[in-house]
Amino acid sequence: MKPGPFNPPGLKHQAYYNHAVLRAGQPVFLTGQVAWNEQGEVVGHGDLDAQARQIWANIGRALAGLGVGPEAVVKLTTYALNREAIPALHRAREAFFAGHCLPASTFVVVAGLADPALLAEIDVTLILPLN
């Protein structure tokens, strides 16, 4: 199979994710990213848009540290306190992946996160390219 998005016949087509993304390389599993700044302070208390932007900025920093960009991401799991979070989380995700293939994605509603001020967390799986 060739690298790239994988959406086999018979599965529902979605514009906001792919069923799988195929890449050759070394898998990497990031710690779930939340809206903490470098000092460990919550950014955007009560503001899901601000928290989503911070989460994706943190993910971008982690990817840059690994020498890759959004193209390396193959799977996301997003945890949020309610379904009403979906539009804000989608806006930030779409901005991050602009011009890139969207990864496979799962959304889970949870009762709470590590810090009660956090509204969402995103778990990222990526593939580092073979050298």
N, C-alpha and C. Protein backbone atom coordinates (compact mmCIF):
# COMPACT_ATOMS: atom_id res chain seq x y z
N MET A 1 0.84 -1.18 0.00
CA MET A 1 0.00 0.00 0.00
C MET A 1 0.88 1.25 0.00
N LYS A 2 0.40 2.26 -0.67
CA LYS A 2 1.19 3.48 -0.74
C LYS A 2 0.89 4.38 0.47
N PRO A 3 1.87 5.21 0.88
CA PRO A 3 1.65 6.13 2.00
C PRO A 3 0.54 7.14 1.69
N GLY A 4 -0.12 7.60 2.73
CA GLY A 4 -1.15 8.62 2.59
C GLY A 4 -2.45 8.20 3.24
N PRO A 5 -3.52 8.96 2.99
CA PRO A 5 -4.80 8.64 3.60
C PRO A 5 -5.36 7.32 3.09
N PHE A 6 -6.05 6.62 3.96
CA PHE A 6 -6.65 5.33 3.62
C PHE A 6 -8.11 5.36 4.05
N ASN A 7 -9.00 5.31 3.07
CA ASN A 7 -10.45 5.34 3.31
C ASN A 7 -11.09 4.26 2.44
N PRO A 8 -11.15 3.02 2.95
CA PRO A 8 -11.63 1.92 2.12
C PRO A 8 -13.12 2.03 1.81
N PRO A 9 -13.52 1.45 0.69
CA PRO A 9 -14.94 1.42 0.34
C PRO A 9 -15.75 0.75 1.44
N GLY A 10 -16.96 1.24 1.65
CA GLY A 10 -17.84 0.66 2.65
C GLY A 10 -17.81 1.35 3.99
N LEU A 11 -16.83 2.26 4.21
CA LEU A 11 -16.78 3.04 5.44
C LEU A 11 -17.27 4.46 5.16
N LYS A 12 -17.96 5.05 6.11
CA LYS A 12 -18.50 6.40 5.96
C LYS A 12 -17.38 7.40 5.68
N HIS A 13 -17.56 8.21 4.65
CA HIS A 13 -16.59 9.25 4.31
C HIS A 13 -16.82 10.47 5.21
N GLN A 14 -15.74 11.03 5.74
CA GLN A 14 -15.80 12.24 6.57
C GLN A 14 -14.82 13.26 6.03
N ALA A 15 -15.21 14.50 6.05
CA ALA A 15 -14.31 15.56 5.60
C ALA A 15 -13.32 15.95 6.69
N TYR A 16 -13.58 15.58 7.93
CA TYR A 16 -12.75 16.07 9.04
C TYR A 16 -11.83 15.01 9.64
N TYR A 17 -11.67 13.86 9.00
CA TYR A 17 -10.65 12.88 9.35
C TYR A 17 -10.55 11.83 8.25
N ASN A 18 -9.52 11.01 8.32
CA ASN A 18 -9.37 9.85 7.45
C ASN A 18 -9.45 8.61 8.34
N HIS A 19 -9.86 7.49 7.77
CA HIS A 19 -9.98 6.27 8.58
C HIS A 19 -8.61 5.75 9.00
N ALA A 20 -7.60 5.99 8.22
CA ALA A 20 -6.22 5.65 8.57
C ALA A 20 -5.30 6.52 7.74
N VAL A 21 -4.06 6.65 8.19
CA VAL A 21 -3.02 7.33 7.42
C VAL A 21 -1.82 6.39 7.43
N LEU A 22 -1.36 6.02 6.25
CA LEU A 22 -0.27 5.07 6.12
C LEU A 22 1.06 5.81 5.95
N ARG A 23 2.04 5.44 6.75
CA ARG A 23 3.37 6.01 6.68
C ARG A 23 4.38 4.92 7.01
N ALA A 24 5.57 5.00 6.45
CA ALA A 24 6.67 4.12 6.81
C ALA A 24 7.55 4.87 7.80
N GLY A 25 7.96 4.22 8.87
CA GLY A 25 8.85 4.88 9.81
C GLY A 25 8.68 4.37 11.23
N GLN A 26 9.18 5.15 12.16
CA GLN A 26 9.18 4.82 13.59
C GLN A 26 7.99 5.46 14.29
N PRO A 27 7.09 4.68 14.90
CA PRO A 27 5.97 5.28 15.62
C PRO A 27 6.43 6.01 16.88
N VAL A 28 5.77 7.12 17.17
CA VAL A 28 6.02 7.90 18.38
C VAL A 28 4.67 8.23 19.00
N PHE A 29 4.57 8.07 20.32
CA PHE A 29 3.33 8.32 21.04
C PHE A 29 3.58 9.47 22.01
N LEU A 30 3.04 10.64 21.69
CA LEU A 30 3.22 11.80 22.57
C LEU A 30 2.35 11.67 23.81
N THR A 31 2.79 12.26 24.89
CA THR A 31 1.94 12.43 26.06
C THR A 31 0.77 13.30 25.65
N GLY A 32 -0.41 13.03 26.19
CA GLY A 32 -1.56 13.88 25.90
C GLY A 32 -1.23 15.34 26.16
N GLN A 33 -1.55 16.19 25.21
CA GLN A 33 -1.23 17.61 25.34
C GLN A 33 -2.46 18.39 25.80
N VAL A 34 -2.23 19.31 26.72
CA VAL A 34 -3.28 20.15 27.28
C VAL A 34 -2.88 21.61 27.17
N ALA A 35 -3.68 22.50 27.68
CA ALA A 35 -3.46 23.94 27.55
C ALA A 35 -2.55 24.50 28.64
N TRP A 36 -1.46 23.83 28.92
CA TRP A 36 -0.46 24.36 29.85
C TRP A 36 0.60 25.10 29.04
N ASN A 37 1.06 26.22 29.59
CA ASN A 37 2.19 26.91 28.98
C ASN A 37 3.48 26.29 29.52
N GLU A 38 4.61 26.86 29.15
CA GLU A 38 5.90 26.30 29.54
C GLU A 38 6.10 26.28 31.06
N GLN A 39 5.43 27.20 31.77
CA GLN A 39 5.54 27.26 33.23
C GLN A 39 4.52 26.34 33.92
N GLY A 40 3.71 25.62 33.16
CA GLY A 40 2.73 24.73 33.74
C GLY A 40 1.43 25.42 34.15
N GLU A 41 1.22 26.64 33.67
CA GLU A 41 0.00 27.39 33.96
C GLU A 41 -1.03 27.13 32.87
N VAL A 42 -2.30 27.03 33.28
CA VAL A 42 -3.37 26.83 32.31
C VAL A 42 -3.58 28.12 31.51
N VAL A 43 -3.58 27.99 30.20
CA VAL A 43 -3.86 29.11 29.30
C VAL A 43 -5.34 29.04 28.93
N GLY A 44 -6.04 30.16 29.04
CA GLY A 44 -7.43 30.22 28.59
C GLY A 44 -8.43 29.64 29.56
N HIS A 45 -8.37 30.01 30.81
CA HIS A 45 -9.35 29.54 31.81
C HIS A 45 -10.76 29.77 31.28
N GLY A 46 -11.54 28.70 31.15
CA GLY A 46 -12.92 28.80 30.72
C GLY A 46 -13.14 29.12 29.25
N ASP A 47 -12.07 29.20 28.47
CA ASP A 47 -12.15 29.59 27.06
C ASP A 47 -11.63 28.43 26.19
N LEU A 48 -12.54 27.65 25.67
CA LEU A 48 -12.15 26.46 24.92
C LEU A 48 -11.36 26.80 23.66
N ASP A 49 -11.71 27.88 22.96
CA ASP A 49 -10.94 28.27 21.77
C ASP A 49 -9.49 28.55 22.14
N ALA A 50 -9.27 29.29 23.23
CA ALA A 50 -7.90 29.60 23.67
C ALA A 50 -7.17 28.33 24.09
N GLN A 51 -7.86 27.44 24.79
CA GLN A 51 -7.22 26.20 25.20
C GLN A 51 -6.88 25.33 23.99
N ALA A 52 -7.78 25.26 23.03
CA ALA A 52 -7.51 24.46 21.82
C ALA A 52 -6.30 25.00 21.07
N ARG A 53 -6.21 26.33 20.95
CA ARG A 53 -5.04 26.92 20.27
C ARG A 53 -3.75 26.58 21.02
N GLN A 54 -3.78 26.64 22.35
CA GLN A 54 -2.59 26.31 23.15
C GLN A 54 -2.22 24.85 23.01
N ILE A 55 -3.22 23.98 23.02
CA ILE A 55 -2.94 22.55 22.85
C ILE A 55 -2.22 22.31 21.52
N TRP A 56 -2.76 22.89 20.44
CA TRP A 56 -2.14 22.67 19.13
C TRP A 56 -0.78 23.35 19.03
N ALA A 57 -0.59 24.47 19.71
CA ALA A 57 0.74 25.10 19.74
C ALA A 57 1.72 24.16 20.44
N ASN A 58 1.28 23.54 21.53
CA ASN A 58 2.15 22.58 22.24
C ASN A 58 2.47 21.38 21.37
N ILE A 59 1.47 20.86 20.66
CA ILE A 59 1.71 19.74 19.76
C ILE A 59 2.70 20.16 18.68
N GLY A 60 2.54 21.35 18.13
CA GLY A 60 3.47 21.86 17.12
C GLY A 60 4.89 21.94 17.65
N ARG A 61 5.05 22.36 18.91
CA ARG A 61 6.39 22.43 19.52
C ARG A 61 7.00 21.03 19.66
N ALA A 62 6.18 20.07 20.08
CA ALA A 62 6.68 18.69 20.22
C ALA A 62 7.11 18.14 18.86
N LEU A 63 6.29 18.36 17.83
CA LEU A 63 6.64 17.88 16.50
C LEU A 63 7.92 18.55 16.00
N ALA A 64 8.02 19.86 16.19
CA ALA A 64 9.22 20.59 15.75
C ALA A 64 10.45 20.04 16.46
N GLY A 65 10.33 19.72 17.74
CA GLY A 65 11.44 19.14 18.49
C GLY A 65 11.88 17.80 17.93
N LEU A 66 10.95 17.09 17.30
CA LEU A 66 11.26 15.81 16.66
C LEU A 66 11.69 15.99 15.20
N GLY A 67 11.67 17.22 14.72
CA GLY A 67 12.09 17.50 13.35
C GLY A 67 11.04 17.20 12.30
N VAL A 68 9.75 17.18 12.69
CA VAL A 68 8.67 16.89 11.74
C VAL A 68 7.57 17.93 11.90
N GLY A 69 6.58 17.86 11.03
CA GLY A 69 5.43 18.74 11.08
C GLY A 69 4.15 17.95 11.09
N PRO A 70 3.03 18.60 10.79
CA PRO A 70 1.73 17.95 10.82
C PRO A 70 1.63 16.70 9.94
N GLU A 71 2.43 16.64 8.89
CA GLU A 71 2.37 15.49 7.97
C GLU A 71 2.74 14.17 8.66
N ALA A 72 3.42 14.23 9.80
CA ALA A 72 3.84 13.01 10.50
C ALA A 72 2.74 12.42 11.37
N VAL A 73 1.70 13.19 11.67
CA VAL A 73 0.64 12.73 12.57
C VAL A 73 -0.28 11.75 11.84
N VAL A 74 -0.50 10.59 12.47
CA VAL A 74 -1.36 9.58 11.87
C VAL A 74 -2.63 9.29 12.68
N LYS A 75 -2.66 9.66 13.97
CA LYS A 75 -3.83 9.35 14.80
C LYS A 75 -3.95 10.34 15.94
N LEU A 76 -5.18 10.79 16.19
CA LEU A 76 -5.49 11.68 17.31
C LEU A 76 -6.57 11.04 18.16
N THR A 77 -6.46 11.20 19.46
CA THR A 77 -7.57 10.92 20.35
C THR A 77 -7.79 12.19 21.16
N THR A 78 -8.98 12.75 21.04
CA THR A 78 -9.31 14.00 21.72
C THR A 78 -10.27 13.69 22.86
N TYR A 79 -9.94 14.20 24.03
CA TYR A 79 -10.77 14.06 25.22
C TYR A 79 -11.30 15.43 25.59
N ALA A 80 -12.60 15.54 25.82
CA ALA A 80 -13.19 16.81 26.21
C ALA A 80 -14.31 16.55 27.21
N LEU A 81 -14.70 17.61 27.92
CA LEU A 81 -15.70 17.48 28.97
C LEU A 81 -17.12 17.35 28.44
N ASN A 82 -17.33 17.75 27.16
CA ASN A 82 -18.67 17.64 26.57
C ASN A 82 -18.58 17.74 25.06
N ARG A 83 -19.66 17.37 24.40
CA ARG A 83 -19.70 17.40 22.93
C ARG A 83 -19.72 18.82 22.38
N GLU A 84 -20.16 19.77 23.18
CA GLU A 84 -20.20 21.17 22.73
C GLU A 84 -18.79 21.69 22.43
N ALA A 85 -17.77 20.97 22.86
CA ALA A 85 -16.38 21.36 22.60
C ALA A 85 -15.97 21.10 21.15
N ILE A 86 -16.70 20.26 20.45
CA ILE A 86 -16.28 19.82 19.11
C ILE A 86 -16.01 20.98 18.15
N PRO A 87 -16.90 21.98 18.00
CA PRO A 87 -16.61 23.05 17.02
C PRO A 87 -15.30 23.79 17.30
N ALA A 88 -15.04 24.14 18.54
CA ALA A 88 -13.79 24.85 18.86
C ALA A 88 -12.58 23.97 18.60
N LEU A 89 -12.67 22.71 18.98
CA LEU A 89 -11.56 21.79 18.75
C LEU A 89 -11.33 21.56 17.27
N HIS A 90 -12.40 21.48 16.48
CA HIS A 90 -12.25 21.32 15.03
C HIS A 90 -11.61 22.56 14.40
N ARG A 91 -12.02 23.74 14.85
CA ARG A 91 -11.42 24.98 14.29
C ARG A 91 -9.90 24.98 14.48
N ALA A 92 -9.46 24.68 15.68
CA ALA A 92 -8.03 24.70 15.96
C ALA A 92 -7.30 23.59 15.21
N ARG A 93 -7.91 22.41 15.13
CA ARG A 93 -7.30 21.30 14.40
C ARG A 93 -7.18 21.63 12.92
N GLU A 94 -8.24 22.18 12.33
CA GLU A 94 -8.20 22.54 10.91
C GLU A 94 -7.13 23.58 10.62
N ALA A 95 -6.95 24.54 11.51
CA ALA A 95 -5.90 25.54 11.33
C ALA A 95 -4.52 24.87 11.38
N PHE A 96 -4.32 23.95 12.31
CA PHE A 96 -3.04 23.27 12.45
C PHE A 96 -2.71 22.42 11.23
N PHE A 97 -3.70 21.72 10.70
CA PHE A 97 -3.48 20.82 9.57
C PHE A 97 -3.72 21.46 8.21
N ALA A 98 -3.90 22.76 8.16
CA ALA A 98 -4.15 23.44 6.87
C ALA A 98 -3.09 23.01 5.85
N GLY A 99 -3.55 22.49 4.71
CA GLY A 99 -2.65 22.06 3.66
C GLY A 99 -2.08 20.67 3.85
N HIS A 100 -2.49 19.98 4.90
CA HIS A 100 -1.98 18.63 5.18
C HIS A 100 -3.13 17.64 5.26
N CYS A 101 -2.81 16.39 5.11
CA CYS A 101 -3.78 15.30 5.25
C CYS A 101 -4.23 15.21 6.71
N LEU A 102 -5.55 15.08 6.93
CA LEU A 102 -6.05 14.91 8.29
C LEU A 102 -5.83 13.47 8.74
N PRO A 103 -5.42 13.29 10.00
CA PRO A 103 -5.18 11.93 10.51
C PRO A 103 -6.48 11.23 10.90
N ALA A 104 -6.34 9.95 11.23
CA ALA A 104 -7.45 9.22 11.87
C ALA A 104 -7.72 9.92 13.20
N SER A 105 -8.97 9.86 13.67
CA SER A 105 -9.33 10.65 14.84
C SER A 105 -10.44 10.00 15.65
N THR A 106 -10.32 10.09 16.96
CA THR A 106 -11.34 9.61 17.88
C THR A 106 -11.64 10.72 18.88
N PHE A 107 -12.92 10.90 19.21
CA PHE A 107 -13.36 11.90 20.18
C PHE A 107 -14.04 11.19 21.34
N VAL A 108 -13.62 11.53 22.58
CA VAL A 108 -14.15 10.88 23.78
C VAL A 108 -14.59 11.95 24.77
N VAL A 109 -15.81 11.82 25.29
CA VAL A 109 -16.27 12.70 26.37
C VAL A 109 -15.84 12.07 27.69
N VAL A 110 -15.22 12.89 28.55
CA VAL A 110 -14.72 12.41 29.84
C VAL A 110 -15.32 13.24 30.97
N ALA A 111 -15.28 12.70 32.18
CA ALA A 111 -15.81 13.39 33.35
C ALA A 111 -14.87 14.49 33.84
N GLY A 112 -13.59 14.37 33.57
CA GLY A 112 -12.64 15.36 34.02
C GLY A 112 -11.25 15.04 33.52
N LEU A 113 -10.35 16.01 33.68
CA LEU A 113 -8.96 15.86 33.25
C LEU A 113 -8.05 16.09 34.46
N ALA A 114 -6.74 16.04 34.26
CA ALA A 114 -5.78 16.10 35.36
C ALA A 114 -5.91 17.37 36.20
N ASP A 115 -6.25 18.48 35.59
CA ASP A 115 -6.43 19.76 36.28
C ASP A 115 -7.87 20.20 36.02
N PRO A 116 -8.62 20.57 37.04
CA PRO A 116 -10.02 20.93 36.82
C PRO A 116 -10.22 22.13 35.90
N ALA A 117 -9.19 22.92 35.65
CA ALA A 117 -9.31 24.07 34.75
C ALA A 117 -9.15 23.67 33.27
N LEU A 118 -8.70 22.45 33.03
CA LEU A 118 -8.51 21.99 31.65
C LEU A 118 -9.83 21.54 31.05
N LEU A 119 -10.05 21.91 29.80
CA LEU A 119 -11.30 21.59 29.10
C LEU A 119 -11.14 20.50 28.05
N ALA A 120 -9.89 20.22 27.64
CA ALA A 120 -9.65 19.22 26.60
C ALA A 120 -8.20 18.73 26.69
N GLU A 121 -7.98 17.57 26.10
CA GLU A 121 -6.64 16.98 25.99
C GLU A 121 -6.59 16.23 24.67
N ILE A 122 -5.44 16.29 24.00
CA ILE A 122 -5.29 15.60 22.72
C ILE A 122 -4.06 14.71 22.76
N ASP A 123 -4.31 13.44 22.45
CA ASP A 123 -3.29 12.41 22.41
C ASP A 123 -2.90 12.21 20.94
N VAL A 124 -1.61 12.25 20.64
CA VAL A 124 -1.13 12.23 19.25
C VAL A 124 -0.20 11.04 19.03
N THR A 125 -0.44 10.33 17.93
CA THR A 125 0.47 9.30 17.45
C THR A 125 1.03 9.78 16.12
N LEU A 126 2.33 9.69 15.96
CA LEU A 126 2.96 10.11 14.72
C LEU A 126 3.97 9.07 14.28
N ILE A 127 4.40 9.20 13.05
CA ILE A 127 5.42 8.32 12.50
C ILE A 127 6.60 9.18 12.06
N LEU A 128 7.76 8.92 12.67
CA LEU A 128 8.98 9.59 12.23
C LEU A 128 9.45 8.92 10.96
N PRO A 129 9.77 9.70 9.93
CA PRO A 129 10.22 9.08 8.67
C PRO A 129 11.51 8.31 8.84
N LEU A 130 11.67 7.29 8.01
CA LEU A 130 12.91 6.52 8.01
C LEU A 130 14.03 7.37 7.43
N ASN A 131 15.19 7.27 8.00
CA ASN A 131 16.34 8.05 7.47
C ASN A 131 17.12 7.23 6.50
